[in-house]
Amino acid sequence: MMNEFTEALNEKLFTDERFMKFKRATVDEGRVIRLEFLVSHDDYSKLTDELRNKVLSICKEILPDRFKITVDYIIAVHDESTLIRLLLEHIRQERPNFYSLFAAVPIEVEYNNDLVTVTFTMEKFLHEYSVESELDKELISFLDTVVLEEVDIVYVEVPNSEEKEVKRTEYVADTIRTIPVQPIKMYTRNEFGSVRYIYDVKDKPVSAVTVCGKVSGVKSRYIEKIDKTVYSCMLNDTTASIKVKYFGKANKNFRWEDVFVDDAMLMINGSIQYDKFDNDLILSAYRIASCEADFTGVDVKNNFNREYSDYRFIFPKPCQNVEQTNLLDNEEADERLLNNTYCVFDLETTGLNPYGDEIIEIAAIKIEKGEFTEQFNTFVRPSKPIVDRIIELTGIKNEDVAFAPQPADVLPDFYKFSKDCIFVGHNITNFDIPLLNFNAAKVRYEFNNDAIDTLVMARNILGGSKNKLGDVCEKLKIPLVGAHRAINDVMANAKCFLKLIKMEKN
């Protein structure tokens, strides 16, 4: 189907316009088809508004008119480190049991004209697994969506060893947390598998998972067309809750209405998937049993805040040639600046809900003894496309974040960068810190840094009713260039912070 689409598109484009490669198409619940094309860094400048409009017009002609069409152009990966990171992300997602093994082996990437060669040097046991499972075909199919070149996967086998040397920065696979459960009565057949924390699985689609918990809010509705009753309820295991749906057919041995009752303890196996009626992820149940569960050992924050020995993906850079206000010149130093390290940070996000939206950019500057010393800055890949109003507000496009690191890779590095620092930011108390922790909790991190909110400082010191960051910068005569881009906001706010401290001291 997609080959036919590509051929139809190319037929309507001139030869010099056929420099893009179709990546994928996704359809959301609002009947919007999002098309993504790969282009090289050199060809990106050729994407004039005229050509973009032409491609969009052709796509609308080819595809059914009942859909709204959007088109994104993503710069193809052409550097080794990003390609290796994306490969490991794919393995972590698709083959989590083998992730830590592959993360420890040497991977080499070589670009040569129209071919990119990826070489894995693996011990015999891992080499045998890779060959038997046809991992190379899976990886070639994946890489075809991120590079323009043809892909070749090469395996180099070395003997097994007792001690396996980790060739790159340490990686650790997520620990699978389980709850001890004793089944009492099986209402369906087949095995259930280990019972997971609902907290760990509720926020993303999962093809097969088992959870348990106490039932509440039971509702039922008979559907005559399929001769089944749909039961819905909330399931809570003390770590979190998730909505459950089950389509039950009448059974001569028991009644489903006696199974789905408030306060019942059930073990449920099924898939977590998006439900268009609830507009949320739900657990679609396949197997059900009553059970007894031991929640005494449950600790949702165990295994939190793992600190790695070194940065893994985002490496801070020194702040150089930064014009700033230095409080240590020509007057007695403020003890707060001498005795503390500050991390001025800002987030760009997919929306304004601190307990629901995602991070798309994070930037920070470290202040030590009144000097800007290091900066941390990266895009972050969200789970859903960025909507138009956020693109217009921030200037961050979907192509900017398409191959950015995921929160699971960014947040451990930011935790390391900001550890033992006092957070500084504008309106961070009500927005940035709650949103940071909402997203960090999903990857088992929590930021408990002391914090100073420059919005509060500005209200107390400058007064007035207008104290947005732009207003404060104007009052303090600090330029704010490119507002709503994280690093620009951070730089301006860091200078505001130093000036406000000086004013407060005086």
Protein backbone atom coordinates (compact mmCIF):
# COMPACT_ATOMS: atom_id res chain seq x y z
CA MET A 1 0.00 0.00 0.00
CA MET A 2 2.72 2.47 1.00
CA ASN A 3 4.84 1.51 -2.02
CA GLU A 4 1.87 2.39 -4.23
CA PHE A 5 1.51 5.69 -2.36
CA THR A 6 5.20 6.53 -2.85
CA GLU A 7 5.05 5.70 -6.57
CA ALA A 8 1.93 7.83 -7.02
CA LEU A 9 3.61 10.73 -5.21
CA ASN A 10 6.83 10.50 -7.23
CA GLU A 11 4.89 10.44 -10.48
CA LYS A 12 3.59 13.92 -9.71
CA LEU A 13 6.95 15.33 -8.54
CA PHE A 14 9.75 16.56 -10.78
CA THR A 15 12.99 14.58 -10.71
CA ASP A 16 14.83 17.19 -8.63
CA GLU A 17 11.99 17.15 -6.09
CA ARG A 18 12.27 13.41 -5.37
CA PHE A 19 14.89 13.72 -2.65
CA MET A 20 12.57 12.69 0.20
CA LYS A 21 11.98 9.17 1.48
CA PHE A 22 8.68 8.05 2.94
CA LYS A 23 9.13 7.11 6.62
CA ARG A 24 5.71 6.21 7.98
CA ALA A 25 2.05 7.17 8.26
CA THR A 26 0.06 7.27 11.49
CA VAL A 27 -3.65 7.79 12.00
CA ASP A 28 -5.02 9.25 15.22
CA GLU A 29 -8.48 9.00 16.70
CA GLY A 30 -9.46 12.32 15.10
CA ARG A 31 -9.13 10.95 11.54
CA VAL A 32 -5.85 12.79 11.01
CA ILE A 33 -3.22 11.06 8.86
CA ARG A 34 0.27 12.23 9.76
CA LEU A 35 2.80 11.52 7.01
CA GLU A 36 6.53 11.63 7.76
CA PHE A 37 9.28 11.92 5.16
CA LEU A 38 13.02 11.63 5.66
CA VAL A 39 15.31 14.18 4.02
CA SER A 40 19.04 14.67 4.27
CA HIS A 41 20.49 17.64 6.14
CA ASP A 42 21.80 19.05 2.84
CA ASP A 43 18.41 18.71 1.10
CA TYR A 44 16.38 20.22 3.93
CA SER A 45 16.96 23.73 2.58
CA LYS A 46 15.25 22.69 -0.68
CA LEU A 47 11.94 22.29 1.19
CA THR A 48 10.48 25.63 0.15
CA ASP A 49 6.93 26.57 1.12
CA GLU A 50 5.98 26.02 -2.52
CA LEU A 51 7.28 22.44 -2.51
CA ARG A 52 5.73 21.67 0.90
CA ASN A 53 2.34 22.88 -0.36
CA LYS A 54 2.75 20.85 -3.54
CA VAL A 55 3.49 17.63 -1.64
CA LEU A 56 0.56 18.26 0.70
CA SER A 57 -1.75 18.87 -2.26
CA ILE A 58 -0.63 15.66 -3.99
CA CYS A 59 -1.10 13.65 -0.77
CA LYS A 60 -4.64 14.96 -0.45
CA GLU A 61 -5.35 13.83 -4.02
CA ILE A 62 -3.98 10.34 -3.40
CA LEU A 63 -5.44 9.62 0.04
CA PRO A 64 -9.15 9.37 0.98
CA ASP A 65 -10.74 12.78 1.45
CA ARG A 66 -12.42 11.78 4.72
CA PHE A 67 -9.04 12.26 6.45
CA LYS A 68 -7.18 15.42 7.34
CA ILE A 69 -3.59 15.22 6.08
CA THR A 70 -0.50 16.66 7.80
CA VAL A 71 3.07 16.27 6.53
CA ASP A 72 6.31 16.45 8.55
CA TYR A 73 9.84 16.40 7.14
CA ILE A 74 12.47 14.84 9.39
CA ILE A 75 16.21 15.15 8.92
CA ALA A 76 17.58 11.63 8.54
CA VAL A 77 20.14 10.37 11.02
CA HIS A 78 23.70 10.64 9.78
CA ASP A 79 25.84 10.36 12.89
CA GLU A 80 27.07 7.29 14.70
CA SER A 81 26.11 8.13 18.28
CA THR A 82 22.47 8.92 17.45
CA LEU A 83 22.12 5.79 15.34
CA ILE A 84 23.53 3.59 18.11
CA ARG A 85 21.24 5.20 20.66
CA LEU A 86 18.20 4.61 18.45
CA LEU A 87 19.22 0.98 17.90
CA LEU A 88 19.49 0.40 21.65
CA GLU A 89 16.15 2.15 22.22
CA HIS A 90 14.56 -0.21 19.70
CA ILE A 91 16.08 -3.29 21.34
CA ARG A 92 15.04 -2.05 24.79
CA GLN A 93 11.47 -1.65 23.59
CA GLU A 94 11.12 -4.79 21.47
CA ARG A 95 13.44 -7.21 23.29
CA PRO A 96 13.79 -5.89 26.85
CA ASN A 97 15.20 -9.15 28.24
CA PHE A 98 18.26 -8.79 25.99
CA TYR A 99 18.71 -5.04 26.21
CA SER A 100 21.45 -4.99 28.85
CA LEU A 101 23.44 -7.59 26.87
CA PHE A 102 23.34 -5.61 23.63
CA ALA A 103 24.01 -2.34 25.44
CA ALA A 104 27.32 -3.78 26.64
CA VAL A 105 28.68 -4.96 23.27
CA PRO A 106 30.74 -2.81 20.88
CA ILE A 107 28.64 -1.39 18.04
CA GLU A 108 30.33 0.33 15.12
CA VAL A 109 28.60 2.40 12.45
CA GLU A 110 30.15 3.29 9.09
CA TYR A 111 28.57 5.53 6.47
CA ASN A 112 29.86 4.92 2.95
CA ASN A 113 28.05 6.71 0.12
CA ASP A 114 24.62 5.07 -0.12
CA LEU A 115 25.30 2.35 2.47
CA VAL A 116 25.41 2.40 6.26
CA THR A 117 27.01 -0.65 7.88
CA VAL A 118 26.32 -1.51 11.52
CA THR A 119 28.70 -4.04 13.07
CA PHE A 120 27.95 -5.87 16.32
CA THR A 121 30.86 -7.66 18.00
CA MET A 122 29.17 -10.33 20.13
CA GLU A 123 30.09 -13.33 22.19
CA LYS A 124 29.03 -16.69 20.80
CA PHE A 125 25.85 -17.11 22.89
CA LEU A 126 24.53 -13.69 21.84
CA HIS A 127 25.61 -14.22 18.26
CA GLU A 128 23.65 -17.48 18.10
CA TYR A 129 20.55 -15.78 19.52
CA SER A 130 20.82 -12.93 17.00
CA VAL A 131 21.12 -15.30 14.04
CA GLU A 132 18.35 -17.66 15.15
CA SER A 133 15.92 -14.83 15.94
CA GLU A 134 16.71 -13.01 12.68
CA LEU A 135 17.46 -9.85 14.59
CA ASP A 136 19.27 -8.41 11.56
CA LYS A 137 16.06 -8.30 9.50
CA GLU A 138 14.21 -6.57 12.34
CA LEU A 139 16.96 -3.96 12.75
CA ILE A 140 17.22 -3.31 9.01
CA SER A 141 13.46 -2.73 8.89
CA PHE A 142 13.72 -0.30 11.80
CA LEU A 143 16.76 1.58 10.47
CA ASP A 144 15.03 1.98 7.14
CA THR A 145 12.77 4.48 8.92
CA VAL A 146 15.62 6.65 10.25
CA VAL A 147 18.31 6.68 7.53
CA LEU A 148 18.24 7.39 3.81
CA GLU A 149 20.95 4.89 2.96
CA GLU A 150 20.65 1.15 2.45
CA VAL A 151 21.45 -0.75 5.65
CA ASP A 152 23.73 -3.74 6.22
CA ILE A 153 23.97 -5.51 9.60
CA VAL A 154 27.21 -7.39 10.28
CA TYR A 155 27.83 -9.80 13.16
CA VAL A 156 31.35 -10.47 14.44
CA GLU A 157 31.52 -13.49 16.74
CA VAL A 158 34.01 -13.74 19.60
CA PRO A 159 34.35 -16.56 22.17
CA ASN A 160 32.20 -16.59 25.30
CA SER A 161 33.91 -15.31 28.42
CA GLU A 162 33.17 -15.59 32.11
CA GLU A 163 33.70 -11.88 32.69
CA LYS A 164 31.98 -9.62 30.20
CA GLU A 165 33.68 -6.26 29.76
CA VAL A 166 31.29 -3.34 29.29
CA LYS A 167 32.65 -1.32 26.38
CA ARG A 168 30.51 1.78 26.83
CA THR A 169 28.97 3.75 29.66
CA GLU A 170 26.99 1.52 31.98
CA TYR A 171 23.43 0.62 31.13
CA VAL A 172 20.96 -1.09 33.43
CA ALA A 173 17.72 -2.67 32.32
CA ASP A 174 14.66 -1.70 34.32
CA THR A 175 13.89 -4.05 37.17
CA ILE A 176 10.50 -5.69 36.69
CA ARG A 177 8.60 -5.16 39.93
CA THR A 178 6.06 -7.80 40.89
CA ILE A 179 3.46 -8.44 43.60
CA PRO A 180 3.01 -11.84 45.33
CA VAL A 181 -0.45 -13.17 44.47
CA GLN A 182 -2.32 -16.36 45.34
CA PRO A 183 -5.12 -17.25 42.87
CA ILE A 184 -8.33 -18.52 44.48
CA LYS A 185 -10.68 -19.23 41.60
CA MET A 186 -9.96 -19.16 37.86
CA TYR A 187 -12.79 -17.81 35.72
CA THR A 188 -10.86 -18.25 32.48
CA ARG A 189 -8.19 -20.66 31.27
CA ASN A 190 -4.44 -20.33 30.59
CA GLU A 191 -1.55 -18.89 32.58
CA PHE A 192 -1.51 -15.35 33.90
CA GLY A 193 2.20 -14.53 34.29
CA SER A 194 3.88 -12.40 36.97
CA VAL A 195 1.73 -9.68 38.50
CA ARG A 196 3.17 -6.23 37.74
CA TYR A 197 2.77 -2.90 39.50
CA ILE A 198 -0.07 -1.01 37.81
CA TYR A 199 2.09 2.10 38.29
CA ASP A 200 4.76 0.64 36.00
CA VAL A 201 2.50 -0.33 33.10
CA LYS A 202 -0.46 2.06 33.02
CA ASP A 203 1.02 4.85 30.88
CA LYS A 204 1.85 3.06 27.65
CA PRO A 205 0.36 0.38 25.38
CA VAL A 206 1.35 -3.16 26.41
CA SER A 207 0.42 -6.26 24.40
CA ALA A 208 0.25 -8.62 27.40
CA VAL A 209 0.39 -7.85 31.10
CA THR A 210 -1.00 -9.20 34.40
CA VAL A 211 -2.05 -6.97 37.29
CA CYS A 212 -4.21 -7.39 40.38
CA GLY A 213 -6.09 -5.13 42.73
CA LYS A 214 -9.30 -4.12 44.42
CA VAL A 215 -12.32 -3.45 42.21
CA SER A 216 -14.43 -0.29 42.42
CA GLY A 217 -16.97 1.61 40.34
CA VAL A 218 -18.38 -1.43 38.53
CA LYS A 219 -20.68 -0.76 35.57
CA SER A 220 -22.21 -3.20 33.08
CA ARG A 221 -24.11 -3.03 29.81
CA TYR A 222 -25.57 -5.88 27.75
CA ILE A 223 -24.82 -5.73 24.02
CA GLU A 224 -27.45 -7.74 22.18
CA LYS A 225 -25.61 -7.72 18.86
CA ILE A 226 -22.73 -9.83 20.22
CA ASP A 227 -24.69 -11.47 23.08
CA LYS A 228 -22.16 -10.30 25.68
CA THR A 229 -22.14 -7.96 28.65
CA VAL A 230 -19.37 -5.40 28.88
CA TYR A 231 -18.14 -4.88 32.42
CA SER A 232 -16.03 -1.86 33.36
CA CYS A 233 -14.41 -0.97 36.67
CA MET A 234 -11.34 0.61 38.26
CA LEU A 235 -8.59 -1.66 39.58
CA ASN A 236 -6.25 -0.38 42.31
CA ASP A 237 -3.19 -2.18 43.72
CA THR A 238 -2.03 0.66 46.07
CA THR A 239 0.53 1.82 43.48
CA ALA A 240 -2.01 3.23 40.98
CA SER A 241 -5.37 2.60 39.34
CA ILE A 242 -6.34 1.59 35.83
CA LYS A 243 -9.69 1.22 34.11
CA VAL A 244 -10.61 -2.35 33.09
CA LYS A 245 -13.07 -3.53 30.45
CA TYR A 246 -14.17 -7.12 29.90
CA PHE A 247 -16.71 -8.56 27.45
CA GLY A 248 -18.25 -11.49 29.30
CA LYS A 249 -20.43 -14.19 27.78
CA ALA A 250 -23.00 -15.96 29.98
CA ASN A 251 -21.42 -18.90 31.83
CA LYS A 252 -23.37 -21.84 33.33
CA ASN A 253 -20.87 -22.26 36.22
CA PHE A 254 -20.98 -18.72 37.61
CA ARG A 255 -22.36 -15.26 36.99
CA TRP A 256 -20.04 -12.47 35.88
CA GLU A 257 -22.07 -9.98 37.93
CA ASP A 258 -20.91 -11.95 41.00
CA VAL A 259 -17.28 -11.58 39.88
CA PHE A 260 -17.25 -7.87 39.09
CA VAL A 261 -18.37 -6.41 42.41
CA ASP A 262 -16.99 -3.51 44.43
CA ASP A 263 -14.14 -4.47 46.82
CA ALA A 264 -13.53 -7.82 45.06
CA MET A 265 -9.83 -8.70 44.65
CA LEU A 266 -9.14 -9.77 41.06
CA MET A 267 -6.10 -10.83 39.08
CA ILE A 268 -6.47 -9.76 35.45
CA ASN A 269 -4.41 -10.51 32.35
CA GLY A 270 -4.90 -8.50 29.18
CA SER A 271 -3.55 -5.75 26.96
CA ILE A 272 -3.27 -2.05 27.69
CA GLN A 273 -4.53 -0.13 24.69
CA TYR A 274 -6.07 3.17 23.71
CA ASP A 275 -9.86 3.21 23.97
CA LYS A 276 -11.51 5.83 21.75
CA PHE A 277 -14.68 5.87 23.87
CA ASP A 278 -12.79 6.65 27.09
CA ASN A 279 -10.14 8.70 25.27
CA ASP A 280 -7.54 7.02 27.45
CA LEU A 281 -5.47 3.88 27.92
CA ILE A 282 -7.44 1.02 29.47
CA LEU A 283 -6.79 -2.62 30.35
CA SER A 284 -8.73 -4.86 27.98
CA ALA A 285 -9.12 -8.06 30.01
CA TYR A 286 -8.64 -11.58 28.58
CA ARG A 287 -8.17 -13.72 31.70
CA ILE A 288 -9.66 -13.21 35.15
CA ALA A 289 -9.27 -14.88 38.56
CA SER A 290 -10.19 -14.00 42.12
CA CYS A 291 -7.10 -13.82 44.32
CA GLU A 292 -5.39 -12.85 47.53
CA ALA A 293 -2.52 -10.38 47.19
CA ASP A 294 0.21 -9.26 49.59
CA PHE A 295 0.71 -5.50 49.24
CA THR A 296 2.91 -5.12 52.34
CA GLY A 297 6.13 -5.15 50.32
CA VAL A 298 4.89 -2.76 47.65
CA ASP A 299 7.00 0.38 47.40
CA VAL A 300 6.37 2.48 44.33
CA LYS A 301 9.57 4.47 44.91
CA ASN A 302 11.99 1.59 45.28
CA ASN A 303 14.69 1.60 42.60
CA PHE A 304 14.21 5.37 42.16
CA ASN A 305 17.00 7.85 41.40
CA ARG A 306 19.71 5.56 40.11
CA GLU A 307 22.79 7.69 39.60
CA TYR A 308 25.15 6.56 36.86
CA SER A 309 28.90 6.98 37.11
CA ASP A 310 28.96 9.26 34.09
CA TYR A 311 26.59 11.07 31.73
CA ARG A 312 25.17 8.67 29.17
CA PHE A 313 23.37 10.70 26.50
CA ILE A 314 23.34 14.41 27.32
CA PHE A 315 26.76 15.83 28.15
CA PRO A 316 26.86 19.29 29.77
CA LYS A 317 28.92 21.97 28.05
CA PRO A 318 30.89 24.77 29.67
CA CYS A 319 29.32 28.23 29.55
CA GLN A 320 31.72 30.43 27.66
CA ASN A 321 31.70 34.10 26.69
CA VAL A 322 28.48 34.71 28.60
CA GLU A 323 27.86 38.32 29.54
CA GLN A 324 26.48 38.19 33.05
CA THR A 325 26.11 40.04 36.31
CA ASN A 326 28.77 38.86 38.74
CA LEU A 327 27.90 39.58 42.36
CA LEU A 328 31.42 38.83 43.54
CA ASP A 329 33.00 41.87 41.89
CA ASN A 330 33.69 45.06 43.83
CA GLU A 331 31.55 44.25 46.84
CA GLU A 332 31.08 41.76 49.61
CA ALA A 333 29.87 38.41 48.26
CA ASP A 334 26.39 37.17 49.04
CA GLU A 335 26.78 34.10 51.27
CA ARG A 336 23.99 32.33 49.40
CA LEU A 337 26.03 32.43 46.21
CA LEU A 338 29.23 31.39 47.94
CA ASN A 339 27.71 28.45 49.77
CA ASN A 340 25.22 27.06 47.23
CA THR A 341 25.14 25.82 43.67
CA TYR A 342 22.09 26.81 41.64
CA CYS A 343 20.52 25.09 38.65
CA VAL A 344 18.41 27.54 36.65
CA PHE A 345 16.15 25.46 34.41
CA ASP A 346 13.18 25.66 32.07
CA LEU A 347 11.00 23.16 30.23
CA GLU A 348 9.16 23.41 26.93
CA THR A 349 6.17 21.10 26.94
CA THR A 350 3.34 19.64 24.89
CA GLY A 351 0.75 21.64 26.86
CA LEU A 352 -0.05 23.48 30.07
CA ASN A 353 -1.13 20.57 32.28
CA PRO A 354 1.67 19.89 34.80
CA TYR A 355 0.14 16.52 35.66
CA GLY A 356 -0.49 15.25 32.15
CA ASP A 357 1.69 16.86 29.48
CA GLU A 358 5.16 15.88 28.30
CA ILE A 359 8.57 17.53 28.05
CA ILE A 360 9.85 18.40 24.56
CA GLU A 361 12.89 20.46 25.58
CA ILE A 362 14.86 20.88 28.77
CA ALA A 363 17.58 23.42 29.39
CA ALA A 364 19.56 24.41 32.46
CA ILE A 365 22.49 26.56 33.52
CA LYS A 366 24.55 25.91 36.63
CA ILE A 367 25.63 28.88 38.76
CA GLU A 368 28.61 28.43 41.08
CA LYS A 369 29.94 31.35 43.12
CA GLY A 370 27.97 33.77 40.96
CA GLU A 371 29.42 32.42 37.69
CA PHE A 372 27.67 30.49 34.92
CA THR A 373 29.75 27.32 34.70
CA GLU A 374 27.85 24.62 32.76
CA GLN A 375 24.80 24.31 30.58
CA PHE A 376 22.53 21.35 29.84
CA ASN A 377 20.26 21.45 26.80
CA THR A 378 18.37 18.86 24.76
CA PHE A 379 15.19 18.16 22.89
CA VAL A 380 13.10 15.32 24.34
CA ARG A 381 10.96 12.98 22.25
CA PRO A 382 7.28 12.96 23.31
CA SER A 383 4.99 9.97 22.84
CA LYS A 384 2.57 11.92 20.62
CA PRO A 385 3.00 14.54 17.86
CA ILE A 386 3.29 18.16 18.96
CA VAL A 387 0.09 20.07 18.21
CA ASP A 388 0.05 23.18 16.02
CA ARG A 389 -0.52 25.69 18.82
CA ILE A 390 2.57 24.45 20.71
CA ILE A 391 4.64 24.50 17.51
CA GLU A 392 3.55 28.11 16.97
CA LEU A 393 4.28 29.03 20.60
CA THR A 394 7.69 27.36 20.98
CA GLY A 395 8.95 27.04 17.42
CA ILE A 396 9.71 23.38 18.16
CA LYS A 397 8.54 21.16 15.30
CA ASN A 398 7.90 17.43 15.20
CA GLU A 399 10.99 16.99 13.02
CA ASP A 400 13.11 18.57 15.80
CA VAL A 401 12.13 15.87 18.31
CA ALA A 402 11.68 12.89 15.95
CA PHE A 403 15.04 11.32 16.86
CA ALA A 404 15.65 13.12 20.16
CA PRO A 405 16.42 11.00 23.22
CA GLN A 406 13.49 9.71 25.24
CA PRO A 407 12.70 10.81 28.81
CA ALA A 408 14.20 7.54 30.10
CA ASP A 409 17.54 8.64 28.65
CA VAL A 410 17.38 12.38 29.35
CA LEU A 411 16.11 12.49 32.93
CA PRO A 412 18.86 10.35 34.54
CA ASP A 413 21.42 12.73 33.03
CA PHE A 414 19.50 15.80 34.21
CA TYR A 415 19.24 14.24 37.67
CA LYS A 416 23.02 13.89 37.72
CA PHE A 417 23.48 17.47 36.45
CA SER A 418 21.13 19.01 39.03
CA LYS A 419 21.92 16.85 42.05
CA ASP A 420 22.76 18.90 45.17
CA CYS A 421 21.71 22.10 43.38
CA ILE A 422 18.99 24.53 44.33
CA PHE A 423 16.49 24.80 41.48
CA VAL A 424 15.78 28.28 40.12
CA GLY A 425 13.09 29.07 37.59
CA HIS A 426 10.16 31.28 36.69
CA ASN A 427 6.86 29.84 37.94
CA ILE A 428 8.59 26.50 38.59
CA THR A 429 6.64 25.96 41.83
CA ASN A 430 3.30 25.65 40.08
CA PHE A 431 4.39 24.29 36.72
CA ASP A 432 7.93 23.14 35.88
CA ILE A 433 8.69 21.13 39.00
CA PRO A 434 5.32 19.29 39.12
CA LEU A 435 5.56 18.54 35.39
CA LEU A 436 9.19 17.44 35.72
CA ASN A 437 8.30 15.04 38.53
CA PHE A 438 5.16 13.79 36.76
CA ASN A 439 7.32 12.69 33.82
CA ALA A 440 10.30 11.62 35.95
CA ALA A 441 8.17 9.24 38.01
CA LYS A 442 7.40 7.25 34.86
CA VAL A 443 11.12 6.40 34.55
CA ARG A 444 11.68 6.07 38.31
CA TYR A 445 13.20 9.41 39.18
CA GLU A 446 12.11 12.10 41.60
CA PHE A 447 13.54 15.60 42.00
CA ASN A 448 13.38 16.86 45.59
CA ASN A 449 15.70 19.85 45.16
CA ASP A 450 15.12 23.00 47.20
CA ALA A 451 13.75 25.66 44.88
CA ILE A 452 13.62 29.43 44.40
CA ASP A 453 10.86 30.79 42.18
CA THR A 454 11.90 34.02 40.43
CA LEU A 455 8.23 34.82 39.84
CA VAL A 456 7.80 35.11 43.63
CA MET A 457 11.08 37.02 43.94
CA ALA A 458 9.99 39.49 41.27
CA ARG A 459 6.61 40.09 42.94
CA ASN A 460 8.27 40.73 46.29
CA ILE A 461 11.12 42.93 45.03
CA LEU A 462 9.76 44.66 41.92
CA GLY A 463 6.08 44.77 42.80
CA GLY A 464 3.44 45.44 40.17
CA SER A 465 0.92 43.10 38.61
CA LYS A 466 2.93 42.12 35.53
CA ASN A 467 5.71 39.70 36.40
CA LYS A 468 5.92 37.24 33.54
CA LEU A 469 9.50 36.47 32.52
CA GLY A 470 9.32 38.97 29.64
CA ASP A 471 8.01 41.67 31.99
CA VAL A 472 10.76 41.01 34.55
CA CYS A 473 13.44 41.10 31.85
CA GLU A 474 12.09 44.43 30.63
CA LYS A 475 12.09 45.92 34.15
CA LEU A 476 15.64 44.73 34.76
CA LYS A 477 16.83 45.72 31.26
CA ILE A 478 17.86 42.16 30.40
CA PRO A 479 17.34 41.11 26.75
CA LEU A 480 15.09 38.10 26.13
CA VAL A 481 15.69 36.78 22.63
CA GLY A 482 13.61 33.89 21.32
CA ALA A 483 11.21 33.53 24.24
CA HIS A 484 9.60 30.10 24.79
CA ARG A 485 12.75 28.27 23.77
CA ALA A 486 14.12 26.70 26.90
CA ILE A 487 17.79 27.73 26.65
CA ASN A 488 16.89 31.35 25.83
CA ASP A 489 14.47 31.57 28.74
CA VAL A 490 17.03 30.00 31.07
CA MET A 491 19.82 32.38 30.08
CA ALA A 492 17.61 35.43 30.57
CA ASN A 493 16.17 34.13 33.85
CA ALA A 494 19.62 33.28 35.22
CA LYS A 495 20.65 36.91 34.71
CA CYS A 496 17.39 38.08 36.29
CA PHE A 497 18.03 35.83 39.28
CA LEU A 498 21.47 37.31 39.93
CA LYS A 499 20.13 40.85 39.66
CA LEU A 500 17.20 40.08 41.94
CA ILE A 501 19.52 38.58 44.57
CA LYS A 502 21.64 41.71 44.42
CA MET A 503 18.57 43.95 44.80
CA GLU A 504 17.28 41.82 47.65
CA LYS A 505 20.64 42.02 49.45
CA ASN A 506 20.73 45.78 49.15
